[in-house]
Amino acid sequence: MLRYIHAELYRVFRKKSFYIYFGALALLYGFFVLIRTNGIGAESITNDATQVFAYMPVLVGGYLFAVLYCDDLRSKNLATLIGYGMQKTTIVLAKLVLSVLLNGLIFTLISLFMFALYSLIGYIPSAPAVNEVFLHALKAALLVIVYAAITGVVVYGMQRSTFAVVFYILLSLGVIGQLMMAVFGWDVISSFAPNLSNHLVSNIVVNLTIGATDGAVSWPSLIEYGAYIAGACALSVVAFRRKELEF
């Protein structure tokens, strides 16, 4: 698994599109900050973080998901990996590890870039502002990781990159979550299973972030989050084993 993870990290960081895409996002945000120089202060970075990281599951997570999961489908690389003896379970777990590593790195760098940009224009963020930005980054990263894990079931079950990307986008935009909340609100469901919406992954991540804000760990929410990840990985393995690889 370690060799595969190393090879995948090497592949990702060798992609020109990786630097072009994130460079374009950085320039866009930098331009957005500079044109507002006269109307912002050191604490404005927290308002920026609220808005910026709200879009990150789509803008950052969508790109990383496509690179990690869908590139293998387009290049038919999965068949090669299986042919060389790599277990399907290993591939699924390796993708999860890669998702955690890359999202952790990227969201940390985004936060540091925001701090550096504000410091450059003369507004050094305060310690509370720094903490709040990192909390927004943590929330976005947790969402991206679990959304990618859930969409992995589509990747390995259908092996169609288009369907997988569309499903991920619907998840990250909250469309599927809103549909689920509407279903959970039906009388026939809410009458015997109230508050099911509290167990949607988006609400679980919010609870985890609130716990981190208070300097504590919300263990029930953490266990539920882990259950989502474990369940998604298990379903991905089952779907992967049942689906014949296309050569």
C-alpha atoms as a PDB file:
ATOM      1  CA  MET A   1       0.000   0.000   0.000  1.00  0.00           C
ATOM      2  CA  LEU A   2       2.818   2.419   0.866  1.00  0.00           C
ATOM      3  CA  ARG A   3       4.337   2.065  -2.587  1.00  0.00           C
ATOM      4  CA  TYR A   4       1.012   2.773  -4.205  1.00  0.00           C
ATOM      5  CA  ILE A   5       0.398   5.819  -2.000  1.00  0.00           C
ATOM      6  CA  HIS A   6       3.862   7.144  -2.803  1.00  0.00           C
ATOM      7  CA  ALA A   7       3.320   6.569  -6.529  1.00  0.00           C
ATOM      8  CA  GLU A   8      -0.048   8.323  -6.430  1.00  0.00           C
ATOM      9  CA  LEU A   9       1.350  11.319  -4.559  1.00  0.00           C
ATOM     10  CA  TYR A  10       4.167  11.519  -7.097  1.00  0.00           C
ATOM     11  CA  ARG A  11       1.617  11.371  -9.934  1.00  0.00           C
ATOM     12  CA  VAL A  12      -0.577  14.097  -8.441  1.00  0.00           C
ATOM     13  CA  PHE A  13       2.282  16.481  -7.745  1.00  0.00           C
ATOM     14  CA  ARG A  14       3.639  15.953 -11.257  1.00  0.00           C
ATOM     15  CA  LYS A  15       0.389  17.091 -12.877  1.00  0.00           C
ATOM     16  CA  LYS A  16       0.659  20.549 -14.399  1.00  0.00           C
ATOM     17  CA  SER A  17      -3.082  21.000 -14.066  1.00  0.00           C
ATOM     18  CA  PHE A  18      -2.683  20.648 -10.288  1.00  0.00           C
ATOM     19  CA  TYR A  19      -0.552  23.800 -10.072  1.00  0.00           C
ATOM     20  CA  ILE A  20      -2.478  25.671 -12.754  1.00  0.00           C
ATOM     21  CA  TYR A  21      -5.811  25.029 -11.071  1.00  0.00           C
ATOM     22  CA  PHE A  22      -4.783  25.940  -7.537  1.00  0.00           C
ATOM     23  CA  GLY A  23      -2.669  28.823  -8.809  1.00  0.00           C
ATOM     24  CA  ALA A  24      -5.735  30.225 -10.567  1.00  0.00           C
ATOM     25  CA  LEU A  25      -7.813  29.898  -7.391  1.00  0.00           C
ATOM     26  CA  ALA A  26      -5.081  31.643  -5.379  1.00  0.00           C
ATOM     27  CA  LEU A  27      -4.872  34.511  -7.891  1.00  0.00           C
ATOM     28  CA  LEU A  28      -8.639  34.876  -7.915  1.00  0.00           C
ATOM     29  CA  TYR A  29      -8.806  35.115  -4.130  1.00  0.00           C
ATOM     30  CA  GLY A  30      -5.800  37.460  -4.044  1.00  0.00           C
ATOM     31  CA  PHE A  31      -7.508  39.767  -6.529  1.00  0.00           C
ATOM     32  CA  PHE A  32     -10.708  39.597  -4.482  1.00  0.00           C
ATOM     33  CA  VAL A  33      -8.832  40.711  -1.347  1.00  0.00           C
ATOM     34  CA  LEU A  34      -6.782  43.446  -3.021  1.00  0.00           C
ATOM     35  CA  ILE A  35      -9.763  45.200  -4.579  1.00  0.00           C
ATOM     36  CA  ARG A  36     -11.300  45.455  -1.101  1.00  0.00           C
ATOM     37  CA  THR A  37      -8.163  46.736   0.650  1.00  0.00           C
ATOM     38  CA  ASN A  38      -9.751  49.996   1.791  1.00  0.00           C
ATOM     39  CA  GLY A  39     -12.756  48.275   3.329  1.00  0.00           C
ATOM     40  CA  ILE A  40     -11.202  45.441   5.296  1.00  0.00           C
ATOM     41  CA  GLY A  41      -9.316  44.935   8.538  1.00  0.00           C
ATOM     42  CA  ALA A  42      -7.435  42.193  10.339  1.00  0.00           C
ATOM     43  CA  GLU A  43     -10.650  40.494  11.448  1.00  0.00           C
ATOM     44  CA  SER A  44     -12.141  40.512   7.937  1.00  0.00           C
ATOM     45  CA  ILE A  45     -10.273  37.294   7.302  1.00  0.00           C
ATOM     46  CA  THR A  46     -12.868  35.419   9.385  1.00  0.00           C
ATOM     47  CA  ASN A  47     -15.668  36.633   7.109  1.00  0.00           C
ATOM     48  CA  ASP A  48     -13.577  35.600   4.123  1.00  0.00           C
ATOM     49  CA  ALA A  49     -13.022  32.165   5.623  1.00  0.00           C
ATOM     50  CA  THR A  50     -16.754  31.659   6.134  1.00  0.00           C
ATOM     51  CA  GLN A  51     -17.428  32.383   2.466  1.00  0.00           C
ATOM     52  CA  VAL A  52     -14.321  30.836   0.913  1.00  0.00           C
ATOM     53  CA  PHE A  53     -14.403  27.499   2.720  1.00  0.00           C
ATOM     54  CA  ALA A  54     -18.120  27.129   2.001  1.00  0.00           C
ATOM     55  CA  TYR A  55     -17.161  26.675  -1.670  1.00  0.00           C
ATOM     56  CA  MET A  56     -14.101  24.525  -1.043  1.00  0.00           C
ATOM     57  CA  PRO A  57     -15.876  21.128  -0.965  1.00  0.00           C
ATOM     58  CA  VAL A  58     -16.830  21.784  -4.589  1.00  0.00           C
ATOM     59  CA  LEU A  59     -13.824  23.738  -5.867  1.00  0.00           C
ATOM     60  CA  VAL A  60     -11.033  21.908  -4.035  1.00  0.00           C
ATOM     61  CA  GLY A  61     -12.722  18.648  -3.135  1.00  0.00           C
ATOM     62  CA  GLY A  62     -14.178  18.202  -6.602  1.00  0.00           C
ATOM     63  CA  TYR A  63     -10.794  18.554  -8.267  1.00  0.00           C
ATOM     64  CA  LEU A  64      -8.993  16.277  -5.818  1.00  0.00           C
ATOM     65  CA  PHE A  65     -11.751  13.680  -6.096  1.00  0.00           C
ATOM     66  CA  ALA A  66     -11.476  13.673  -9.880  1.00  0.00           C
ATOM     67  CA  VAL A  67      -7.693  13.362  -9.716  1.00  0.00           C
ATOM     68  CA  LEU A  68      -7.619  10.604  -7.098  1.00  0.00           C
ATOM     69  CA  TYR A  69     -10.595   8.513  -8.105  1.00  0.00           C
ATOM     70  CA  CYS A  70     -11.604   9.286 -11.673  1.00  0.00           C
ATOM     71  CA  ASP A  71      -8.183   9.397 -13.325  1.00  0.00           C
ATOM     72  CA  ASP A  72      -7.870   5.658 -12.687  1.00  0.00           C
ATOM     73  CA  LEU A  73     -11.153   5.046 -14.486  1.00  0.00           C
ATOM     74  CA  ARG A  74     -10.225   7.155 -17.492  1.00  0.00           C
ATOM     75  CA  SER A  75      -6.778   5.581 -17.822  1.00  0.00           C
ATOM     76  CA  LYS A  76      -7.991   2.007 -17.134  1.00  0.00           C
ATOM     77  CA  ASN A  77      -5.354   1.895 -14.403  1.00  0.00           C
ATOM     78  CA  LEU A  78      -7.472  -0.194 -12.028  1.00  0.00           C
ATOM     79  CA  ALA A  79      -7.145  -3.244 -14.287  1.00  0.00           C
ATOM     80  CA  THR A  80      -3.367  -2.807 -14.291  1.00  0.00           C
ATOM     81  CA  LEU A  81      -3.213  -2.583 -10.502  1.00  0.00           C
ATOM     82  CA  ILE A  82      -5.336  -5.717 -10.083  1.00  0.00           C
ATOM     83  CA  GLY A  83      -3.232  -7.471 -12.696  1.00  0.00           C
ATOM     84  CA  TYR A  84      -0.104  -6.784 -10.660  1.00  0.00           C
ATOM     85  CA  GLY A  85      -1.711  -8.439  -7.649  1.00  0.00           C
ATOM     86  CA  MET A  86      -2.973  -5.455  -5.634  1.00  0.00           C
ATOM     87  CA  GLN A  87      -6.029  -6.315  -3.585  1.00  0.00           C
ATOM     88  CA  LYS A  88      -9.197  -4.307  -4.171  1.00  0.00           C
ATOM     89  CA  THR A  89      -9.518  -3.632  -0.451  1.00  0.00           C
ATOM     90  CA  THR A  90      -6.007  -2.178  -0.462  1.00  0.00           C
ATOM     91  CA  ILE A  91      -6.882   0.166  -3.321  1.00  0.00           C
ATOM     92  CA  VAL A  92      -9.986   1.451  -1.532  1.00  0.00           C
ATOM     93  CA  LEU A  93      -8.113   2.053   1.729  1.00  0.00           C
ATOM     94  CA  ALA A  94      -5.176   3.653  -0.073  1.00  0.00           C
ATOM     95  CA  LYS A  95      -7.529   6.109  -1.771  1.00  0.00           C
ATOM     96  CA  LEU A  96      -8.942   7.060   1.631  1.00  0.00           C
ATOM     97  CA  VAL A  97      -5.447   7.653   3.027  1.00  0.00           C
ATOM     98  CA  LEU A  98      -4.539   9.721  -0.026  1.00  0.00           C
ATOM     99  CA  SER A  99      -7.714  11.768   0.345  1.00  0.00           C
ATOM    100  CA  VAL A 100      -6.915  12.515   3.995  1.00  0.00           C
ATOM    101  CA  LEU A 101      -3.297  13.448   3.216  1.00  0.00           C
ATOM    102  CA  LEU A 102      -4.012  15.662   0.221  1.00  0.00           C
ATOM    103  CA  ASN A 103      -7.009  17.415   1.702  1.00  0.00           C
ATOM    104  CA  GLY A 104      -5.188  17.995   4.974  1.00  0.00           C
ATOM    105  CA  LEU A 105      -2.251  19.499   3.074  1.00  0.00           C
ATOM    106  CA  ILE A 106      -4.290  21.630   0.683  1.00  0.00           C
ATOM    107  CA  PHE A 107      -6.624  23.083   3.293  1.00  0.00           C
ATOM    108  CA  THR A 108      -3.687  23.893   5.560  1.00  0.00           C
ATOM    109  CA  LEU A 109      -1.942  25.661   2.675  1.00  0.00           C
ATOM    110  CA  ILE A 110      -5.108  27.599   1.833  1.00  0.00           C
ATOM    111  CA  SER A 111      -5.303  28.824   5.429  1.00  0.00           C
ATOM    112  CA  LEU A 112      -1.635  29.804   5.456  1.00  0.00           C
ATOM    113  CA  PHE A 113      -2.059  31.603   2.124  1.00  0.00           C
ATOM    114  CA  MET A 114      -4.918  33.636   3.596  1.00  0.00           C
ATOM    115  CA  PHE A 115      -2.791  34.554   6.626  1.00  0.00           C
ATOM    116  CA  ALA A 116       0.149  35.520   4.417  1.00  0.00           C
ATOM    117  CA  LEU A 117      -2.002  37.624   2.093  1.00  0.00           C
ATOM    118  CA  TYR A 118      -3.595  39.575   4.935  1.00  0.00           C
ATOM    119  CA  SER A 119      -0.207  40.069   6.593  1.00  0.00           C
ATOM    120  CA  LEU A 120       1.204  41.314   3.289  1.00  0.00           C
ATOM    121  CA  ILE A 121      -1.359  44.110   3.075  1.00  0.00           C
ATOM    122  CA  GLY A 122      -0.697  45.081   6.689  1.00  0.00           C
ATOM    123  CA  TYR A 123      -3.410  43.227   8.593  1.00  0.00           C
ATOM    124  CA  ILE A 124      -1.847  40.523  10.721  1.00  0.00           C
ATOM    125  CA  PRO A 125      -4.630  38.178  11.885  1.00  0.00           C
ATOM    126  CA  SER A 126      -5.148  37.819  15.625  1.00  0.00           C
ATOM    127  CA  ALA A 127      -4.913  34.467  17.394  1.00  0.00           C
ATOM    128  CA  PRO A 128      -8.743  34.079  17.608  1.00  0.00           C
ATOM    129  CA  ALA A 129      -9.006  34.863  13.888  1.00  0.00           C
ATOM    130  CA  VAL A 130      -6.349  32.276  13.080  1.00  0.00           C
ATOM    131  CA  ASN A 131      -8.192  29.663  15.124  1.00  0.00           C
ATOM    132  CA  GLU A 132     -11.490  30.447  13.396  1.00  0.00           C
ATOM    133  CA  VAL A 133      -9.947  30.156   9.934  1.00  0.00           C
ATOM    134  CA  PHE A 134      -8.438  26.778  10.803  1.00  0.00           C
ATOM    135  CA  LEU A 135     -11.825  25.604  12.123  1.00  0.00           C
ATOM    136  CA  HIS A 136     -13.474  26.535   8.824  1.00  0.00           C
ATOM    137  CA  ALA A 137     -10.689  24.685   7.017  1.00  0.00           C
ATOM    138  CA  LEU A 138     -11.184  21.648   9.266  1.00  0.00           C
ATOM    139  CA  LYS A 139     -14.911  21.600   8.582  1.00  0.00           C
ATOM    140  CA  ALA A 140     -14.383  21.776   4.819  1.00  0.00           C
ATOM    141  CA  ALA A 141     -11.693  19.077   4.882  1.00  0.00           C
ATOM    142  CA  LEU A 142     -13.867  16.710   6.936  1.00  0.00           C
ATOM    143  CA  LEU A 143     -16.732  17.176   4.492  1.00  0.00           C
ATOM    144  CA  VAL A 144     -14.547  16.561   1.454  1.00  0.00           C
ATOM    145  CA  ILE A 145     -13.037  13.389   2.924  1.00  0.00           C
ATOM    146  CA  VAL A 146     -16.377  11.809   3.803  1.00  0.00           C
ATOM    147  CA  TYR A 147     -18.019  12.918   0.546  1.00  0.00           C
ATOM    148  CA  ALA A 148     -15.174  11.355  -1.429  1.00  0.00           C
ATOM    149  CA  ALA A 149     -15.436   8.133   0.588  1.00  0.00           C
ATOM    150  CA  ILE A 150     -19.192   7.931  -0.004  1.00  0.00           C
ATOM    151  CA  THR A 151     -18.828   8.661  -3.715  1.00  0.00           C
ATOM    152  CA  GLY A 152     -16.203   5.917  -3.878  1.00  0.00           C
ATOM    153  CA  VAL A 153     -19.123   3.469  -3.791  1.00  0.00           C
ATOM    154  CA  VAL A 154     -20.304   4.968  -7.094  1.00  0.00           C
ATOM    155  CA  VAL A 155     -16.786   4.916  -8.513  1.00  0.00           C
ATOM    156  CA  TYR A 156     -16.198   1.229  -7.854  1.00  0.00           C
ATOM    157  CA  GLY A 157     -19.783   0.113  -8.301  1.00  0.00           C
ATOM    158  CA  MET A 158     -20.466   1.804 -11.632  1.00  0.00           C
ATOM    159  CA  GLN A 159     -16.924   2.577 -12.855  1.00  0.00           C
ATOM    160  CA  ARG A 160     -18.166   5.627 -14.728  1.00  0.00           C
ATOM    161  CA  SER A 161     -16.283   8.822 -13.945  1.00  0.00           C
ATOM    162  CA  THR A 162     -19.095  11.083 -15.170  1.00  0.00           C
ATOM    163  CA  PHE A 163     -21.661   9.561 -12.802  1.00  0.00           C
ATOM    164  CA  ALA A 164     -19.170   9.701  -9.938  1.00  0.00           C
ATOM    165  CA  VAL A 165     -18.304  13.379 -10.475  1.00  0.00           C
ATOM    166  CA  VAL A 166     -21.969  14.366 -10.753  1.00  0.00           C
ATOM    167  CA  PHE A 167     -22.805  12.463  -7.573  1.00  0.00           C
ATOM    168  CA  TYR A 168     -19.894  14.093  -5.719  1.00  0.00           C
ATOM    169  CA  ILE A 169     -20.970  17.571  -6.855  1.00  0.00           C
ATOM    170  CA  LEU A 170     -24.547  16.934  -5.728  1.00  0.00           C
ATOM    171  CA  LEU A 171     -23.224  15.819  -2.343  1.00  0.00           C
ATOM    172  CA  SER A 172     -20.881  18.765  -1.910  1.00  0.00           C
ATOM    173  CA  LEU A 173     -23.539  21.285  -2.950  1.00  0.00           C
ATOM    174  CA  GLY A 174     -25.871  19.859  -0.324  1.00  0.00           C
ATOM    175  CA  VAL A 175     -28.502  18.782  -2.851  1.00  0.00           C
ATOM    176  CA  ILE A 176     -28.590  15.179  -1.678  1.00  0.00           C
ATOM    177  CA  GLY A 177     -28.540  16.276   1.959  1.00  0.00           C
ATOM    178  CA  GLN A 178     -31.546  18.547   1.408  1.00  0.00           C
ATOM    179  CA  LEU A 179     -33.430  15.743  -0.315  1.00  0.00           C
ATOM    180  CA  MET A 180     -32.680  13.445   2.604  1.00  0.00           C
ATOM    181  CA  MET A 181     -33.868  16.066   5.094  1.00  0.00           C
ATOM    182  CA  ALA A 182     -37.103  16.413   3.136  1.00  0.00           C
ATOM    183  CA  VAL A 183     -37.612  12.643   3.197  1.00  0.00           C
ATOM    184  CA  PHE A 184     -36.837  12.460   6.909  1.00  0.00           C
ATOM    185  CA  GLY A 185     -39.463  15.147   7.467  1.00  0.00           C
ATOM    186  CA  TRP A 186     -42.262  12.982   6.115  1.00  0.00           C
ATOM    187  CA  ASP A 187     -44.769  12.096   8.840  1.00  0.00           C
ATOM    188  CA  VAL A 188     -44.491   8.388   8.113  1.00  0.00           C
ATOM    189  CA  ILE A 189     -40.775   8.541   8.932  1.00  0.00           C
ATOM    190  CA  SER A 190     -40.566  11.288  11.566  1.00  0.00           C
ATOM    191  CA  SER A 191     -43.340   9.660  13.608  1.00  0.00           C
ATOM    192  CA  PHE A 192     -41.201   6.660  14.543  1.00  0.00           C
ATOM    193  CA  ALA A 193     -37.695   8.010  13.849  1.00  0.00           C
ATOM    194  CA  PRO A 194     -37.551  11.709  14.763  1.00  0.00           C
ATOM    195  CA  ASN A 195     -34.421  13.848  14.387  1.00  0.00           C
ATOM    196  CA  LEU A 196     -32.906  11.605  11.722  1.00  0.00           C
ATOM    197  CA  SER A 197     -31.562  14.721  10.007  1.00  0.00           C
ATOM    198  CA  ASN A 198     -29.208  15.204  12.965  1.00  0.00           C
ATOM    199  CA  HIS A 199     -27.377  12.122  11.770  1.00  0.00           C
ATOM    200  CA  LEU A 200     -26.706  13.400   8.259  1.00  0.00           C
ATOM    201  CA  VAL A 201     -22.999  13.779   7.649  1.00  0.00           C
ATOM    202  CA  SER A 202     -23.211  17.565   7.211  1.00  0.00           C
ATOM    203  CA  ASN A 203     -24.743  17.982  10.673  1.00  0.00           C
ATOM    204  CA  ILE A 204     -22.263  15.547  12.189  1.00  0.00           C
ATOM    205  CA  VAL A 205     -19.369  17.608  10.821  1.00  0.00           C
ATOM    206  CA  VAL A 206     -20.956  20.787  12.210  1.00  0.00           C
ATOM    207  CA  ASN A 207     -21.117  19.153  15.659  1.00  0.00           C
ATOM    208  CA  LEU A 208     -17.474  18.107  15.379  1.00  0.00           C
ATOM    209  CA  THR A 209     -16.485  21.659  14.477  1.00  0.00           C
ATOM    210  CA  ILE A 210     -18.493  23.118  17.346  1.00  0.00           C
ATOM    211  CA  GLY A 211     -16.770  20.693  19.691  1.00  0.00           C
ATOM    212  CA  ALA A 212     -13.377  21.745  18.355  1.00  0.00           C
ATOM    213  CA  THR A 213     -14.352  25.408  18.840  1.00  0.00           C
ATOM    214  CA  ASP A 214     -15.036  24.687  22.506  1.00  0.00           C
ATOM    215  CA  GLY A 215     -11.748  22.791  22.801  1.00  0.00           C
ATOM    216  CA  ALA A 216     -13.462  19.443  23.249  1.00  0.00           C
ATOM    217  CA  VAL A 217     -14.173  16.351  21.198  1.00  0.00           C
ATOM    218  CA  SER A 218     -17.765  15.409  20.436  1.00  0.00           C
ATOM    219  CA  TRP A 219     -17.278  11.665  20.770  1.00  0.00           C
ATOM    220  CA  PRO A 220     -20.755  10.641  19.562  1.00  0.00           C
ATOM    221  CA  SER A 221     -20.297  12.758  16.437  1.00  0.00           C
ATOM    222  CA  LEU A 222     -16.764  11.450  15.931  1.00  0.00           C
ATOM    223  CA  ILE A 223     -18.002   7.855  16.178  1.00  0.00           C
ATOM    224  CA  GLU A 224     -20.786   8.602  13.681  1.00  0.00           C
ATOM    225  CA  TYR A 225     -18.304  10.232  11.323  1.00  0.00           C
ATOM    226  CA  GLY A 226     -16.038   7.206  11.562  1.00  0.00           C
ATOM    227  CA  ALA A 227     -19.035   4.955  10.910  1.00  0.00           C
ATOM    228  CA  TYR A 228     -19.793   6.857   7.705  1.00  0.00           C
ATOM    229  CA  ILE A 229     -16.197   6.435   6.539  1.00  0.00           C
ATOM    230  CA  ALA A 230     -16.016   2.767   7.496  1.00  0.00           C
ATOM    231  CA  GLY A 231     -19.409   2.018   5.971  1.00  0.00           C
ATOM    232  CA  ALA A 232     -18.543   3.805   2.736  1.00  0.00           C
ATOM    233  CA  CYS A 233     -15.242   1.924   2.461  1.00  0.00           C
ATOM    234  CA  ALA A 234     -16.939  -1.411   3.159  1.00  0.00           C
ATOM    235  CA  LEU A 235     -19.589  -0.764   0.509  1.00  0.00           C
ATOM    236  CA  SER A 236     -16.897   0.346  -1.927  1.00  0.00           C
ATOM    237  CA  VAL A 237     -15.035  -2.932  -1.432  1.00  0.00           C
ATOM    238  CA  VAL A 238     -18.229  -4.956  -1.921  1.00  0.00           C
ATOM    239  CA  ALA A 239     -19.162  -2.981  -5.051  1.00  0.00           C
ATOM    240  CA  PHE A 240     -15.594  -3.263  -6.382  1.00  0.00           C
ATOM    241  CA  ARG A 241     -15.551  -7.033  -5.944  1.00  0.00           C
ATOM    242  CA  ARG A 242     -18.898  -7.511  -7.646  1.00  0.00           C
ATOM    243  CA  LYS A 243     -18.146  -5.277 -10.610  1.00  0.00           C
ATOM    244  CA  GLU A 244     -16.102  -6.713 -13.446  1.00  0.00           C
ATOM    245  CA  LEU A 245     -13.242  -4.486 -14.500  1.00  0.00           C
ATOM    246  CA  GLU A 246     -13.465  -3.014 -17.982  1.00  0.00           C
ATOM    247  CA  PHE A 247     -10.322  -3.282 -20.062  1.00  0.00           C
END
